[in-house]
Amino acid sequence: MRERTSEEVAADQSLLSEFVQESLESLDAVEALVRDLETNASADSVNRIFRTMHSLKGNAAFFN
């Protein structure tokens, strides 16, 4: 395996940083949807939670 260049490492760090930021935003949105479910359950809210978590899982797989 060849050594990675500093540009490649920087690009990876940038992608990881962006992933973490987007993940935190997604988790905040899911938290709000779950809290909303406690008082206002709807199929749309459940679907939005599943879609958001599915996207988070897919984005995380990119780093595997």
Protein backbone atom coordinates (compact mmCIF):
# COMPACT_ATOMS: atom_id res chain seq x y z
CA MET A 1 0.00 0.00 0.00
CA ARG A 2 1.41 3.37 -0.98
CA GLU A 3 1.75 6.31 1.35
CA ARG A 4 -0.95 8.94 1.07
CA THR A 5 -0.07 12.48 0.10
CA SER A 6 -0.76 15.39 2.41
CA GLU A 7 -3.44 16.55 -0.04
CA GLU A 8 -5.21 13.19 0.22
CA VAL A 9 -5.06 13.27 4.00
CA ALA A 10 -6.41 16.84 4.03
CA ALA A 11 -9.23 15.85 1.68
CA ASP A 12 -10.13 12.90 3.91
CA GLN A 13 -10.13 15.12 6.99
CA SER A 14 -12.34 17.63 5.20
CA LEU A 15 -14.81 14.91 4.17
CA LEU A 16 -14.87 13.49 7.68
CA SER A 17 -15.44 16.91 9.18
CA GLU A 18 -18.32 17.55 6.78
CA PHE A 19 -19.78 14.11 7.53
CA VAL A 20 -19.67 14.76 11.28
CA GLN A 21 -21.34 18.16 10.89
CA GLU A 22 -24.10 16.78 8.65
CA SER A 23 -24.58 13.81 10.97
CA LEU A 24 -25.05 16.07 13.97
CA GLU A 25 -27.62 18.10 12.05
CA SER A 26 -29.42 14.90 11.01
CA LEU A 27 -29.47 13.62 14.58
CA ASP A 28 -30.87 16.93 15.79
CA ALA A 29 -33.64 16.63 13.21
CA VAL A 30 -34.37 13.03 14.24
CA GLU A 31 -34.49 14.06 17.89
CA ALA A 32 -37.07 16.73 17.09
CA LEU A 33 -39.13 14.25 15.06
CA VAL A 34 -39.06 11.68 17.86
CA ARG A 35 -40.18 14.29 20.37
CA ASP A 36 -42.96 15.28 18.00
CA LEU A 37 -44.04 11.64 17.76
CA GLU A 38 -44.76 11.63 21.49
CA THR A 39 -47.62 14.08 21.01
CA ASN A 40 -48.40 13.98 17.30
CA ALA A 41 -47.73 10.52 15.86
CA SER A 42 -47.89 10.31 12.09
CA ALA A 43 -46.69 7.97 9.39
CA ASP A 44 -44.93 10.91 7.73
CA SER A 45 -42.82 11.57 10.82
CA VAL A 46 -41.85 7.92 11.10
CA ASN A 47 -40.92 7.83 7.41
CA ARG A 48 -38.81 10.97 7.79
CA ILE A 49 -36.96 9.41 10.73
CA PHE A 50 -36.26 6.24 8.74
CA ARG A 51 -35.11 8.20 5.67
CA THR A 52 -32.80 10.37 7.73
CA MET A 53 -31.27 7.39 9.55
CA HIS A 54 -30.91 5.49 6.28
CA SER A 55 -29.03 8.43 4.76
CA LEU A 56 -26.81 8.65 7.82
CA LYS A 57 -26.02 4.95 7.56
CA GLY A 58 -25.24 5.25 3.85
CA ASN A 59 -22.98 8.23 4.39
CA ALA A 60 -21.12 6.41 7.17
CA ALA A 61 -20.57 3.40 4.90
CA PHE A 62 -18.63 5.69 2.57
CA PHE A 63 -15.84 5.76 5.16
CA ASN A 64 -15.62 1.99 5.51
